[in-house]
Structures are given as C-alpha cells and as structure tokens.
Amino acid sequence: MTIKLIGTGLTDLYYPDSTLNYALASRFKAVANGNSSTFKVYAGALGDIKCAVYADSGGTPGAKVYGDDTARSISSYAWQDVVFSGATLDYDTYYWLVIRQNAADIVYLDYESGGSLVSAPLSWANSWPGTLSWGTLSADYSYGLAVWGVEDTPGTIGGILPNV
C-alpha cells in the first residue's frame, strides 16, 4: 500500500514562490520507514520541477540522500504527482524535501507552525550536488511538498509493530 512517508499536511497553500535558479527546501520528519515512489507538489503554475531529498544536519540541509535530475511536468492549482523512485527514508528522522522550478510560482508555501524553509543557488541546468550552500532559514513556513511510497514493513504504523 502506498502511504505518505514524509511531507506537509497542509491542504490550502496560498503563497507562490517565484524564485528561479535556486533549490527550495522544507524540513519534515518521516512518519514511516519506506521507499519513495511519488513526489507530490502543491502547484500554482505550469512548468517543470526537479526533486531531491537531503539529510538533516543540525536543522539545516546536509548531504544528498537522493536526487532526480529528470524534469517532471507540472500542471497548476492542485497537488501534482511526479515519479520519484529511489529515496529510502527512516521513521522519525528529519529530512529536507527539495525542488527546483523552471517557471515562477510552481511551488506554493504557507504558514505551518514549526515548519522551516530555506533556499540555495542552483541553476536549472546543473545536477543535484552532494551538498549546497544554504541561505538563512525561514521559520514557521513550509513548501507544499510530500513524498509517498511503500512502507518497508507492511502492517506497521509509523514504523512500529502493533501489539497483537
């Protein structure tokens, strides 16, 4: 069964981000062990995105866990799904979901208590590097991003076996 492994729970995002040639990242805690299959983006414009997951390093993005350099098409004003197979996530661990957009206003963000977002210069043409030079964190905001996939251990809830 496919479940949300990590990402926002927001459903009404209001603020488009017009930033181009930057990696845009939000920090989330994984709610299950699993392998990714889909990257979800709350989109507000047509264009292409590239997706990645970076490890957390003391509250900022650290080393790349997985990056897909394939441009994925996005349509507007809804949650959009793109293929994203290859990231393995561990329950109760913080990661940074990261995208690049080739057109303004594709990704949306909104207020989310405890959320964090940050950006780093990265040209659309470049591949995802192992690490990036990140800017200043913005607290209490999150991008509309999530990763869905298959749990490693079916029948677990949040990576914990139920009492039977």
Protein backbone atom coordinates (compact mmCIF):
# COMPACT_ATOMS: atom_id res chain seq x y z
CA MET A 1 0.00 0.00 0.00
CA THR A 2 1.27 3.49 -0.84
CA ILE A 3 1.29 5.98 2.06
CA LYS A 4 2.68 9.42 2.79
CA LEU A 5 6.20 8.83 4.16
CA ILE A 6 7.07 12.47 4.76
CA GLY A 7 5.81 15.97 3.99
CA THR A 8 3.25 18.61 4.74
CA GLY A 9 -0.29 18.04 5.89
CA LEU A 10 -1.37 21.46 4.60
CA THR A 11 -4.22 21.46 2.11
CA ASP A 12 -4.73 25.19 1.44
CA LEU A 13 -1.47 26.84 0.42
CA TYR A 14 -1.61 30.49 -0.56
CA TYR A 15 1.80 31.94 -1.34
CA PRO A 16 3.52 31.12 -4.64
CA ASP A 17 7.32 31.20 -4.72
CA SER A 18 8.68 32.91 -7.83
CA THR A 19 12.33 32.01 -7.14
CA LEU A 20 14.22 30.59 -10.13
CA ASN A 21 17.72 29.03 -10.25
CA TYR A 22 17.51 28.06 -6.58
CA ALA A 23 16.93 24.82 -4.72
CA LEU A 24 13.89 25.33 -2.47
CA ALA A 25 13.76 23.13 0.65
CA SER A 26 11.43 22.35 3.56
CA ARG A 27 12.19 20.20 6.61
CA PHE A 28 9.90 17.34 7.61
CA LYS A 29 10.04 14.27 9.85
CA ALA A 30 9.40 10.85 8.26
CA VAL A 31 6.27 9.16 9.63
CA ALA A 32 7.23 5.68 8.36
CA ASN A 33 10.12 3.61 7.02
CA GLY A 34 9.83 3.25 3.28
CA ASN A 35 10.95 3.61 -0.28
CA SER A 36 9.71 6.52 -2.35
CA SER A 37 7.55 6.20 -5.44
CA THR A 38 5.94 9.65 -5.80
CA PHE A 39 6.93 13.25 -5.06
CA LYS A 40 3.87 15.46 -4.52
CA VAL A 41 3.98 19.22 -5.10
CA TYR A 42 1.25 21.75 -4.42
CA ALA A 43 1.47 23.69 -7.67
CA GLY A 44 0.19 27.04 -8.86
CA ALA A 45 1.57 27.27 -12.40
CA LEU A 46 2.60 25.21 -15.40
CA GLY A 47 6.22 24.20 -15.73
CA ASP A 48 8.78 21.57 -14.80
CA ILE A 49 10.37 20.61 -11.50
CA LYS A 50 13.32 18.51 -10.37
CA CYS A 51 13.14 16.80 -6.95
CA ALA A 52 15.59 15.68 -4.26
CA VAL A 53 15.81 14.62 -0.63
CA TYR A 54 18.64 15.83 1.61
CA ALA A 55 19.50 14.61 5.10
CA ASP A 56 19.09 16.95 8.06
CA SER A 57 22.28 18.26 9.62
CA GLY A 58 21.54 20.09 12.85
CA GLY A 59 18.44 21.82 11.49
CA THR A 60 19.76 22.65 8.01
CA PRO A 61 20.04 20.51 4.86
CA GLY A 62 23.08 18.25 4.87
CA ALA A 63 24.15 15.58 2.37
CA LYS A 64 22.02 14.48 -0.56
CA VAL A 65 20.07 11.27 0.09
CA TYR A 66 18.63 11.04 -3.42
CA GLY A 67 18.20 13.45 -6.33
CA ASP A 68 16.33 13.04 -9.60
CA ASP A 69 17.65 15.29 -12.38
CA THR A 70 14.77 14.44 -14.72
CA ALA A 71 12.49 17.40 -15.48
CA ARG A 72 8.93 16.46 -14.46
CA SER A 73 5.95 18.35 -15.90
CA ILE A 74 3.52 20.07 -13.53
CA SER A 75 0.04 21.45 -14.18
CA SER A 76 -1.47 24.11 -11.99
CA TYR A 77 -3.52 24.75 -8.85
CA ALA A 78 -3.63 21.38 -7.15
CA TRP A 79 -1.48 18.65 -5.66
CA GLN A 80 0.54 17.17 -8.51
CA ASP A 81 2.28 13.78 -8.53
CA VAL A 82 5.60 13.07 -10.26
CA VAL A 83 7.57 9.82 -10.40
CA PHE A 84 10.26 9.74 -7.69
CA SER A 85 11.69 6.26 -7.07
CA GLY A 86 14.95 5.78 -5.22
CA ALA A 87 14.83 7.54 -1.84
CA THR A 88 14.85 5.33 1.26
CA LEU A 89 13.51 7.10 4.35
CA ASP A 90 13.73 6.12 8.02
CA TYR A 91 10.92 6.60 10.52
CA ASP A 92 11.20 9.52 12.96
CA THR A 93 14.14 11.05 11.05
CA TYR A 94 14.22 14.61 9.71
CA TYR A 95 14.86 15.17 6.01
CA TRP A 96 14.66 18.13 3.64
CA LEU A 97 12.41 17.83 0.59
CA VAL A 98 13.90 19.97 -2.16
CA ILE A 99 12.75 21.12 -5.59
CA ARG A 100 13.87 23.38 -8.40
CA GLN A 101 11.32 25.02 -10.69
CA ASN A 102 11.86 26.26 -14.25
CA ALA A 103 8.96 28.73 -14.11
CA ALA A 104 7.83 31.18 -11.42
CA ASP A 105 5.06 30.27 -8.98
CA ILE A 106 5.01 26.50 -9.47
CA VAL A 107 5.56 25.63 -5.80
CA TYR A 108 3.39 27.14 -3.06
CA LEU A 109 4.15 27.70 0.60
CA ASP A 110 2.14 28.66 3.65
CA TYR A 111 2.33 29.19 7.38
CA GLU A 112 2.93 25.95 9.28
CA SER A 113 3.86 26.19 12.95
CA GLY A 114 7.24 24.56 13.45
CA GLY A 115 7.94 24.50 9.72
CA SER A 116 11.24 25.55 8.14
CA LEU A 117 12.22 26.51 4.64
CA VAL A 118 15.46 27.61 3.05
CA SER A 119 16.95 28.08 -0.42
CA ALA A 120 20.34 27.74 -2.12
CA PRO A 121 21.58 28.95 -5.53
CA LEU A 122 21.43 26.13 -8.09
CA SER A 123 20.97 26.55 -11.84
CA TRP A 124 18.22 24.57 -13.55
CA ALA A 125 20.85 23.00 -15.85
CA ASN A 126 23.02 21.62 -13.01
CA SER A 127 22.72 18.19 -11.41
CA TRP A 128 21.86 17.83 -7.72
CA PRO A 129 25.18 18.20 -5.84
CA GLY A 130 26.16 16.25 -2.72
CA THR A 131 25.77 19.40 -0.60
CA LEU A 132 24.74 23.03 -1.17
CA SER A 133 25.46 26.41 0.45
CA TRP A 134 22.11 27.21 2.06
CA GLY A 135 20.81 30.66 2.96
CA THR A 136 19.01 31.83 6.11
CA LEU A 137 16.19 29.66 7.48
CA SER A 138 12.63 30.99 7.50
CA ALA A 139 10.73 29.57 10.47
CA ASP A 140 7.06 28.61 10.58
CA TYR A 141 6.65 28.25 6.82
CA SER A 142 6.68 25.11 4.67
CA TYR A 143 6.56 24.40 0.96
CA GLY A 144 3.73 22.22 -0.28
CA LEU A 145 5.84 19.08 -0.69
CA ALA A 146 5.45 15.43 0.26
CA VAL A 147 6.93 12.04 -0.64
CA TRP A 148 4.74 8.97 -0.85
CA GLY A 149 5.90 5.38 -1.15
CA VAL A 150 5.69 1.84 0.14
CA GLU A 151 6.38 1.05 3.79
CA ASP A 152 9.33 -1.29 4.35
CA THR A 153 7.41 -3.37 6.87
CA PRO A 154 3.74 -3.73 5.90
CA GLY A 155 1.41 -3.78 8.88
CA THR A 156 3.40 -1.26 10.90
CA ILE A 157 2.14 2.13 11.96
CA GLY A 158 4.79 4.79 11.84
CA GLY A 159 7.45 2.08 11.68
CA ILE A 160 6.24 0.47 14.94
CA LEU A 161 4.76 -3.01 15.02
CA PRO A 162 1.29 -3.04 16.58
CA ASN A 163 0.59 -5.15 19.67
CA VAL A 164 -1.07 -8.40 18.67
